[in-house]
Amino acid sequence: MDISRKLGIIIFSAVPAIMGGGIVFHFFGNFIHVIVFEILLYLTVLGCTSK
């Protein structure tokens, strides 16, 4: 996987990080849940880009 594809995946994952974090905070009302969501998203992106 070339560097441009990896950067595209990272940039594309910024939208779920921002929007998803807001949605998670709306439903749970706690930043701990948002942090857990962001960590899971970060691990998923690392898994996709490490191949």
Protein backbone atom coordinates (compact mmCIF):
# COMPACT_ATOMS: atom_id res chain seq x y z
CA MET A 1 0.00 0.00 0.00
CA ASP A 2 1.53 3.30 -1.03
CA ILE A 3 1.75 6.40 1.13
CA SER A 4 -1.01 8.30 -0.69
CA ARG A 5 -3.51 5.51 -0.02
CA LYS A 6 -2.52 5.40 3.67
CA LEU A 7 -2.95 9.15 3.98
CA GLY A 8 -6.33 8.92 2.26
CA ILE A 9 -7.50 6.31 4.76
CA ILE A 10 -6.34 8.46 7.66
CA ILE A 11 -8.05 11.58 6.29
CA PHE A 12 -11.21 9.62 5.47
CA SER A 13 -11.35 8.38 9.07
CA ALA A 14 -11.39 11.95 10.41
CA VAL A 15 -15.06 12.34 9.49
CA PRO A 16 -16.24 9.37 11.61
CA ALA A 17 -13.99 10.58 14.42
CA ILE A 18 -15.62 14.01 14.53
CA MET A 19 -19.20 13.04 13.74
CA GLY A 20 -19.10 9.75 15.61
CA GLY A 21 -17.62 11.39 18.69
CA GLY A 22 -20.49 13.87 18.74
CA ILE A 23 -23.08 11.14 18.31
CA VAL A 24 -21.53 9.01 21.06
CA PHE A 25 -21.46 12.02 23.40
CA HIS A 26 -25.09 12.79 22.60
CA PHE A 27 -26.26 9.27 23.46
CA PHE A 28 -24.06 8.63 26.50
CA GLY A 29 -23.31 12.16 27.77
CA ASN A 30 -19.85 11.21 28.98
CA PHE A 31 -16.42 11.87 27.50
CA ILE A 32 -15.11 8.49 28.67
CA HIS A 33 -17.30 6.79 26.07
CA VAL A 34 -16.06 9.23 23.42
CA ILE A 35 -12.45 8.46 24.29
CA VAL A 36 -13.11 4.72 24.07
CA PHE A 37 -14.78 5.24 20.67
CA GLU A 38 -11.83 7.29 19.43
CA ILE A 39 -9.34 4.66 20.60
CA LEU A 40 -11.27 1.89 18.84
CA LEU A 41 -11.40 3.97 15.67
CA TYR A 42 -7.68 4.71 15.93
CA LEU A 43 -6.86 1.01 16.32
CA THR A 44 -9.02 0.20 13.31
CA VAL A 45 -7.23 2.78 11.19
CA LEU A 46 -3.86 1.47 12.33
CA GLY A 47 -4.94 -2.04 11.40
CA CYS A 48 -6.00 -0.91 7.94
CA THR A 49 -2.87 1.11 7.24
CA SER A 50 -0.37 -1.40 8.59
CA LYS A 51 -1.03 -3.89 5.78
